[in-house]
Amino acid sequence: MSTAALLWIAVVLLVVALTSWVIGVVAGRLMYGTSARWWSPLRRTLWPLLHTTLVRFGGFSLSHVGPEQFAGRITVSSRELDQLFTSLGFRRNPWAALKRRFGTMDVSEGSWVWRDSGRWYIPNWLAPMQLHITVFENRDGTFDVYAHWEDNYWVRPRAHLDGTNFDAPTGVRKAQGLLSSAGVIIARVGNPPRRGLDAKNAVK
C-alpha cells in the first residue's frame, strides 16, 4: 500500500474519531448535563407506566427513599443545584427508578450519580460502586438530599437490582463530604417531611 493511501486512511480515521468525540460530548450534555432538566417531567410520566412490565422481568422503575438516607437540606436555586452537582463530578441519572419519600406521596425532583474508578486507565463510569443522590424540592425553594452507596448498574447490574451492597450510611457520609467540600451549608433538620407538606412535587 502506498504512502498516500496510508495517509488518506489515517486522515479518515482521525475525522471519524473527532466526529464521534464531538457527537459524544454534545449528546452527553443534552442527555446528562445541566440543561437536561426535561428528564424530570418525562420520568414522572413514563416511569410509573413502565413499572408493572419491568417487575415481571425482575426490574422496577418505581422505588422509595427512607429517612436513613437523608443527608440534609440545602438552600440553592434549581440552576445552582445543577451546576453544583456537575462541578462535583456528578452526572444526571435518569435511568434510576423514580423515587418517593417513604410514607409520603412526594416525588423526587432529580437523580444524580457520582463514580470514581480510582484508576487513571479505567473510566469512572466503570467504577464498581457509585454514589446515588436523589433530591426533593420543597415549597420554600430548598432541596432535601438523600443518598446511598451501591453497586454500579453498568458493572454489576444484578447486584444493583438486588441491593447486594446497598449502604445508606456510607452514601450519606460521602454526599455530605462532597457538598461540604464545595462550601455548601447542609442543614440537618430534625426530620425530613413525613406527610408531603413541604414537598413541591407531592402527588395530590
C-alpha atoms as a PDB file:
ATOM      1  CA  MET A   1       0.000   0.000   0.000  1.00  0.00           C
ATOM      2  CA  SER A   2       1.361   3.390  -0.960  1.00  0.00           C
ATOM      3  CA  THR A   3       2.263   6.136   1.473  1.00  0.00           C
ATOM      4  CA  ALA A   4      -0.509   8.331   0.056  1.00  0.00           C
ATOM      5  CA  ALA A   5      -3.102   5.616   0.692  1.00  0.00           C
ATOM      6  CA  LEU A   6      -1.910   5.127   4.270  1.00  0.00           C
ATOM      7  CA  LEU A   7      -2.032   8.872   4.841  1.00  0.00           C
ATOM      8  CA  TRP A   8      -5.565   9.027   3.447  1.00  0.00           C
ATOM      9  CA  ILE A   9      -6.705   6.192   5.745  1.00  0.00           C
ATOM     10  CA  ALA A  10      -5.128   7.941   8.735  1.00  0.00           C
ATOM     11  CA  VAL A  11      -6.942  11.184   7.895  1.00  0.00           C
ATOM     12  CA  VAL A  12     -10.280   9.372   7.534  1.00  0.00           C
ATOM     13  CA  LEU A  13      -9.815   7.595  10.871  1.00  0.00           C
ATOM     14  CA  LEU A  14      -8.913  10.882  12.543  1.00  0.00           C
ATOM     15  CA  VAL A  15     -12.020  12.584  11.146  1.00  0.00           C
ATOM     16  CA  VAL A  16     -14.211   9.685  12.299  1.00  0.00           C
ATOM     17  CA  ALA A  17     -12.657   9.781  15.770  1.00  0.00           C
ATOM     18  CA  LEU A  18     -13.107  13.551  16.107  1.00  0.00           C
ATOM     19  CA  THR A  19     -16.682  13.380  14.832  1.00  0.00           C
ATOM     20  CA  SER A  20     -17.516  10.611  17.295  1.00  0.00           C
ATOM     21  CA  TRP A  21     -15.977  12.614  20.125  1.00  0.00           C
ATOM     22  CA  VAL A  22     -17.975  15.744  19.243  1.00  0.00           C
ATOM     23  CA  ILE A  23     -21.205  13.758  18.978  1.00  0.00           C
ATOM     24  CA  GLY A  24     -20.452  12.103  22.309  1.00  0.00           C
ATOM     25  CA  VAL A  25     -19.820  15.427  24.045  1.00  0.00           C
ATOM     26  CA  VAL A  26     -22.940  17.064  22.600  1.00  0.00           C
ATOM     27  CA  ALA A  27     -25.125  14.038  23.330  1.00  0.00           C
ATOM     28  CA  GLY A  28     -23.708  13.816  26.838  1.00  0.00           C
ATOM     29  CA  ARG A  29     -24.577  17.425  27.581  1.00  0.00           C
ATOM     30  CA  LEU A  30     -28.066  17.084  26.133  1.00  0.00           C
ATOM     31  CA  MET A  31     -28.736  13.837  27.996  1.00  0.00           C
ATOM     32  CA  TYR A  32     -26.897  14.315  31.280  1.00  0.00           C
ATOM     33  CA  GLY A  33     -25.783  17.947  31.501  1.00  0.00           C
ATOM     34  CA  THR A  34     -27.139  20.868  33.486  1.00  0.00           C
ATOM     35  CA  SER A  35     -29.613  21.740  30.717  1.00  0.00           C
ATOM     36  CA  ALA A  36     -31.232  18.289  30.678  1.00  0.00           C
ATOM     37  CA  ARG A  37     -34.000  19.206  33.119  1.00  0.00           C
ATOM     38  CA  TRP A  38     -36.547  17.796  30.670  1.00  0.00           C
ATOM     39  CA  TRP A  39     -35.857  14.383  32.194  1.00  0.00           C
ATOM     40  CA  SER A  40     -37.842  15.167  35.365  1.00  0.00           C
ATOM     41  CA  PRO A  41     -41.328  15.580  33.827  1.00  0.00           C
ATOM     42  CA  LEU A  42     -40.634  12.734  31.402  1.00  0.00           C
ATOM     43  CA  ARG A  43     -39.695  10.337  34.203  1.00  0.00           C
ATOM     44  CA  ARG A  44     -42.725  11.318  36.296  1.00  0.00           C
ATOM     45  CA  THR A  45     -44.961  10.497  33.331  1.00  0.00           C
ATOM     46  CA  LEU A  46     -43.399   7.350  31.874  1.00  0.00           C
ATOM     47  CA  TRP A  47     -41.716   5.539  34.763  1.00  0.00           C
ATOM     48  CA  PRO A  48     -44.988   4.675  36.587  1.00  0.00           C
ATOM     49  CA  LEU A  49     -46.317   3.222  33.324  1.00  0.00           C
ATOM     50  CA  LEU A  50     -43.216   1.061  32.850  1.00  0.00           C
ATOM     51  CA  HIS A  51     -43.068  -0.283  36.388  1.00  0.00           C
ATOM     52  CA  THR A  52     -45.569  -3.148  36.100  1.00  0.00           C
ATOM     53  CA  THR A  53     -43.903  -4.501  32.966  1.00  0.00           C
ATOM     54  CA  LEU A  54     -40.393  -4.268  34.407  1.00  0.00           C
ATOM     55  CA  VAL A  55     -41.405  -6.090  37.593  1.00  0.00           C
ATOM     56  CA  ARG A  56     -42.313  -9.137  35.508  1.00  0.00           C
ATOM     57  CA  PHE A  57     -38.687  -9.341  34.383  1.00  0.00           C
ATOM     58  CA  GLY A  58     -37.144  -8.733  37.790  1.00  0.00           C
ATOM     59  CA  GLY A  59     -36.714  -4.984  37.404  1.00  0.00           C
ATOM     60  CA  PHE A  60     -38.543  -1.884  38.579  1.00  0.00           C
ATOM     61  CA  SER A  61     -38.918   1.803  37.752  1.00  0.00           C
ATOM     62  CA  LEU A  62     -40.555   2.994  40.989  1.00  0.00           C
ATOM     63  CA  SER A  63     -38.918   2.949  44.395  1.00  0.00           C
ATOM     64  CA  HIS A  64     -38.638   4.980  47.586  1.00  0.00           C
ATOM     65  CA  VAL A  65     -36.054   6.536  49.876  1.00  0.00           C
ATOM     66  CA  GLY A  66     -36.209   6.151  53.634  1.00  0.00           C
ATOM     67  CA  PRO A  67     -35.191   8.555  56.412  1.00  0.00           C
ATOM     68  CA  GLU A  68     -31.910   6.660  56.877  1.00  0.00           C
ATOM     69  CA  GLN A  69     -30.795   8.099  53.514  1.00  0.00           C
ATOM     70  CA  PHE A  70     -31.455  11.716  54.470  1.00  0.00           C
ATOM     71  CA  ALA A  71     -28.202  13.694  54.136  1.00  0.00           C
ATOM     72  CA  GLY A  72     -29.592  17.164  54.825  1.00  0.00           C
ATOM     73  CA  ARG A  73     -31.298  20.218  53.399  1.00  0.00           C
ATOM     74  CA  ILE A  74     -29.539  22.752  51.190  1.00  0.00           C
ATOM     75  CA  THR A  75     -30.585  26.207  50.032  1.00  0.00           C
ATOM     76  CA  VAL A  76     -29.758  26.781  46.371  1.00  0.00           C
ATOM     77  CA  SER A  77     -31.691  27.616  43.221  1.00  0.00           C
ATOM     78  CA  SER A  78     -32.511  24.933  40.660  1.00  0.00           C
ATOM     79  CA  ARG A  79     -29.811  26.240  38.328  1.00  0.00           C
ATOM     80  CA  GLU A  80     -27.269  26.382  41.156  1.00  0.00           C
ATOM     81  CA  LEU A  81     -28.177  22.826  42.140  1.00  0.00           C
ATOM     82  CA  ASP A  82     -27.444  21.533  38.640  1.00  0.00           C
ATOM     83  CA  GLN A  83     -24.178  23.454  38.449  1.00  0.00           C
ATOM     84  CA  LEU A  84     -23.179  22.291  41.925  1.00  0.00           C
ATOM     85  CA  PHE A  85     -23.568  18.593  41.203  1.00  0.00           C
ATOM     86  CA  THR A  86     -21.888  18.928  37.811  1.00  0.00           C
ATOM     87  CA  SER A  87     -18.905  20.736  39.347  1.00  0.00           C
ATOM     88  CA  LEU A  88     -18.531  17.913  41.888  1.00  0.00           C
ATOM     89  CA  GLY A  89     -18.340  15.305  39.145  1.00  0.00           C
ATOM     90  CA  PHE A  90     -21.930  14.062  39.286  1.00  0.00           C
ATOM     91  CA  ARG A  91     -23.939  13.132  36.213  1.00  0.00           C
ATOM     92  CA  ARG A  92     -27.678  13.050  35.847  1.00  0.00           C
ATOM     93  CA  ASN A  93     -29.014   9.580  36.488  1.00  0.00           C
ATOM     94  CA  PRO A  94     -32.282   9.481  34.521  1.00  0.00           C
ATOM     95  CA  TRP A  95     -32.299   5.684  34.254  1.00  0.00           C
ATOM     96  CA  ALA A  96     -32.727   5.285  38.003  1.00  0.00           C
ATOM     97  CA  ALA A  97     -36.108   4.366  39.432  1.00  0.00           C
ATOM     98  CA  LEU A  98     -38.411   7.297  40.158  1.00  0.00           C
ATOM     99  CA  LYS A  99     -38.227   7.867  43.907  1.00  0.00           C
ATOM    100  CA  ARG A 100     -40.772   8.837  46.534  1.00  0.00           C
ATOM    101  CA  ARG A 101     -40.131   9.589  50.167  1.00  0.00           C
ATOM    102  CA  PHE A 102     -41.100   6.608  52.258  1.00  0.00           C
ATOM    103  CA  GLY A 103     -44.558   7.068  53.747  1.00  0.00           C
ATOM    104  CA  THR A 104     -45.414  10.073  51.568  1.00  0.00           C
ATOM    105  CA  MET A 105     -46.510  10.913  48.040  1.00  0.00           C
ATOM    106  CA  ASP A 106     -43.535  13.241  47.489  1.00  0.00           C
ATOM    107  CA  VAL A 107     -41.945  12.660  44.074  1.00  0.00           C
ATOM    108  CA  SER A 108     -38.248  13.359  43.551  1.00  0.00           C
ATOM    109  CA  GLU A 109     -37.073  16.343  41.557  1.00  0.00           C
ATOM    110  CA  GLY A 110     -33.929  14.716  40.218  1.00  0.00           C
ATOM    111  CA  SER A 111     -31.419  11.898  40.409  1.00  0.00           C
ATOM    112  CA  TRP A 112     -27.621  12.212  40.229  1.00  0.00           C
ATOM    113  CA  VAL A 113     -24.773   9.717  40.337  1.00  0.00           C
ATOM    114  CA  TRP A 114     -21.076  10.038  41.217  1.00  0.00           C
ATOM    115  CA  ARG A 115     -18.464   7.441  40.335  1.00  0.00           C
ATOM    116  CA  ASP A 116     -14.701   7.260  40.784  1.00  0.00           C
ATOM    117  CA  SER A 117     -12.805   4.235  39.465  1.00  0.00           C
ATOM    118  CA  GLY A 118      -9.656   5.215  41.349  1.00  0.00           C
ATOM    119  CA  ARG A 119      -7.561   4.189  38.337  1.00  0.00           C
ATOM    120  CA  TRP A 120      -6.460   6.576  35.601  1.00  0.00           C
ATOM    121  CA  TYR A 121      -6.806   3.854  32.973  1.00  0.00           C
ATOM    122  CA  ILE A 122     -10.373   2.882  33.944  1.00  0.00           C
ATOM    123  CA  PRO A 123     -13.210   5.278  33.005  1.00  0.00           C
ATOM    124  CA  ASN A 124     -15.182   6.455  36.016  1.00  0.00           C
ATOM    125  CA  TRP A 125     -18.408   5.066  34.593  1.00  0.00           C
ATOM    126  CA  LEU A 126     -16.869   1.594  35.014  1.00  0.00           C
ATOM    127  CA  ALA A 127     -16.209   2.048  38.735  1.00  0.00           C
ATOM    128  CA  PRO A 128     -17.613  -0.930  40.686  1.00  0.00           C
ATOM    129  CA  MET A 129     -19.562   1.278  43.119  1.00  0.00           C
ATOM    130  CA  GLN A 130     -21.481   4.537  42.817  1.00  0.00           C
ATOM    131  CA  LEU A 131     -22.919   7.292  44.985  1.00  0.00           C
ATOM    132  CA  HIS A 132     -26.569   7.834  44.123  1.00  0.00           C
ATOM    133  CA  ILE A 133     -28.234  11.072  45.185  1.00  0.00           C
ATOM    134  CA  THR A 134     -31.936  11.848  44.996  1.00  0.00           C
ATOM    135  CA  VAL A 135     -33.230  15.366  45.600  1.00  0.00           C
ATOM    136  CA  PHE A 136     -36.680  16.592  46.574  1.00  0.00           C
ATOM    137  CA  GLU A 137     -37.651  20.220  46.072  1.00  0.00           C
ATOM    138  CA  ASN A 138     -39.555  21.863  48.913  1.00  0.00           C
ATOM    139  CA  ARG A 139     -42.138  24.611  48.588  1.00  0.00           C
ATOM    140  CA  ASP A 140     -39.780  27.171  50.115  1.00  0.00           C
ATOM    141  CA  GLY A 141     -37.212  26.557  47.354  1.00  0.00           C
ATOM    142  CA  THR A 142     -34.851  24.426  49.431  1.00  0.00           C
ATOM    143  CA  PHE A 143     -33.810  20.911  48.440  1.00  0.00           C
ATOM    144  CA  ASP A 144     -33.658  17.788  50.582  1.00  0.00           C
ATOM    145  CA  VAL A 145     -30.793  15.481  49.662  1.00  0.00           C
ATOM    146  CA  TYR A 146     -30.967  11.705  50.065  1.00  0.00           C
ATOM    147  CA  ALA A 147     -28.035   9.425  49.325  1.00  0.00           C
ATOM    148  CA  HIS A 148     -26.839   5.846  49.298  1.00  0.00           C
ATOM    149  CA  TRP A 149     -23.776   3.891  48.183  1.00  0.00           C
ATOM    150  CA  GLU A 150     -24.451   0.956  45.874  1.00  0.00           C
ATOM    151  CA  ASP A 151     -23.220  -1.276  43.063  1.00  0.00           C
ATOM    152  CA  ASN A 152     -22.783   0.455  39.712  1.00  0.00           C
ATOM    153  CA  TYR A 153     -25.534  -0.829  37.428  1.00  0.00           C
ATOM    154  CA  TRP A 154     -23.240  -0.692  34.369  1.00  0.00           C
ATOM    155  CA  VAL A 155     -20.772  -3.057  36.044  1.00  0.00           C
ATOM    156  CA  ARG A 156     -22.883  -5.202  38.382  1.00  0.00           C
ATOM    157  CA  PRO A 157     -26.489  -4.942  37.172  1.00  0.00           C
ATOM    158  CA  ARG A 158     -27.802  -7.936  39.118  1.00  0.00           C
ATOM    159  CA  ALA A 159     -26.164  -6.839  42.367  1.00  0.00           C
ATOM    160  CA  HIS A 160     -27.516  -3.330  41.784  1.00  0.00           C
ATOM    161  CA  LEU A 161     -31.091  -4.543  41.351  1.00  0.00           C
ATOM    162  CA  ASP A 162     -30.810  -6.895  44.328  1.00  0.00           C
ATOM    163  CA  GLY A 163     -29.276  -4.201  46.549  1.00  0.00           C
ATOM    164  CA  THR A 164     -26.384  -6.522  47.404  1.00  0.00           C
ATOM    165  CA  ASN A 165     -24.030  -3.797  48.652  1.00  0.00           C
ATOM    166  CA  PHE A 166     -26.603  -1.083  49.334  1.00  0.00           C
ATOM    167  CA  ASP A 167     -25.206   1.158  52.090  1.00  0.00           C
ATOM    168  CA  ALA A 168     -27.152   4.226  53.230  1.00  0.00           C
ATOM    169  CA  PRO A 169     -24.761   5.465  55.985  1.00  0.00           C
ATOM    170  CA  THR A 170     -21.779   5.426  53.627  1.00  0.00           C
ATOM    171  CA  GLY A 171     -23.790   7.229  50.964  1.00  0.00           C
ATOM    172  CA  VAL A 172     -24.914   9.907  53.414  1.00  0.00           C
ATOM    173  CA  ARG A 173     -21.358  10.419  54.665  1.00  0.00           C
ATOM    174  CA  LYS A 174     -19.919  10.685  51.155  1.00  0.00           C
ATOM    175  CA  ALA A 175     -22.671  13.058  49.998  1.00  0.00           C
ATOM    176  CA  GLN A 176     -22.179  15.338  52.989  1.00  0.00           C
ATOM    177  CA  GLY A 177     -18.419  15.291  52.450  1.00  0.00           C
ATOM    178  CA  LEU A 178     -18.661  16.253  48.783  1.00  0.00           C
ATOM    179  CA  LEU A 179     -21.199  19.005  49.425  1.00  0.00           C
ATOM    180  CA  SER A 180     -19.164  20.389  52.318  1.00  0.00           C
ATOM    181  CA  SER A 181     -16.029  20.403  50.153  1.00  0.00           C
ATOM    182  CA  ALA A 182     -17.866  22.773  47.801  1.00  0.00           C
ATOM    183  CA  GLY A 183     -18.710  25.114  50.670  1.00  0.00           C
ATOM    184  CA  VAL A 184     -22.379  24.144  50.761  1.00  0.00           C
ATOM    185  CA  ILE A 185     -24.115  24.642  54.100  1.00  0.00           C
ATOM    186  CA  ILE A 186     -26.065  21.497  54.962  1.00  0.00           C
ATOM    187  CA  ALA A 187     -28.982  21.989  57.330  1.00  0.00           C
ATOM    188  CA  ARG A 188     -29.534  18.788  59.270  1.00  0.00           C
ATOM    189  CA  VAL A 189     -33.187  19.311  60.077  1.00  0.00           C
ATOM    190  CA  GLY A 190     -34.593  17.076  62.771  1.00  0.00           C
ATOM    191  CA  ASN A 191     -36.883  15.100  60.494  1.00  0.00           C
ATOM    192  CA  PRO A 192     -37.462  15.281  56.748  1.00  0.00           C
ATOM    193  CA  PRO A 193     -41.085  15.808  55.656  1.00  0.00           C
ATOM    194  CA  ARG A 194     -43.224  12.796  56.502  1.00  0.00           C
ATOM    195  CA  ARG A 195     -46.593  13.781  55.049  1.00  0.00           C
ATOM    196  CA  GLY A 196     -45.703  15.649  51.910  1.00  0.00           C
ATOM    197  CA  LEU A 197     -46.498  19.020  53.470  1.00  0.00           C
ATOM    198  CA  ASP A 198     -43.235  20.618  52.372  1.00  0.00           C
ATOM    199  CA  ALA A 199     -42.773  18.961  49.013  1.00  0.00           C
ATOM    200  CA  LYS A 200     -43.303  20.943  45.841  1.00  0.00           C
ATOM    201  CA  ASN A 201     -43.896  17.803  43.762  1.00  0.00           C
ATOM    202  CA  ALA A 202     -46.247  15.931  46.068  1.00  0.00           C
ATOM    203  CA  VAL A 203     -48.824  13.793  44.305  1.00  0.00           C
ATOM    204  CA  LYS A 204     -52.314  15.104  45.005  1.00  0.00           C
END
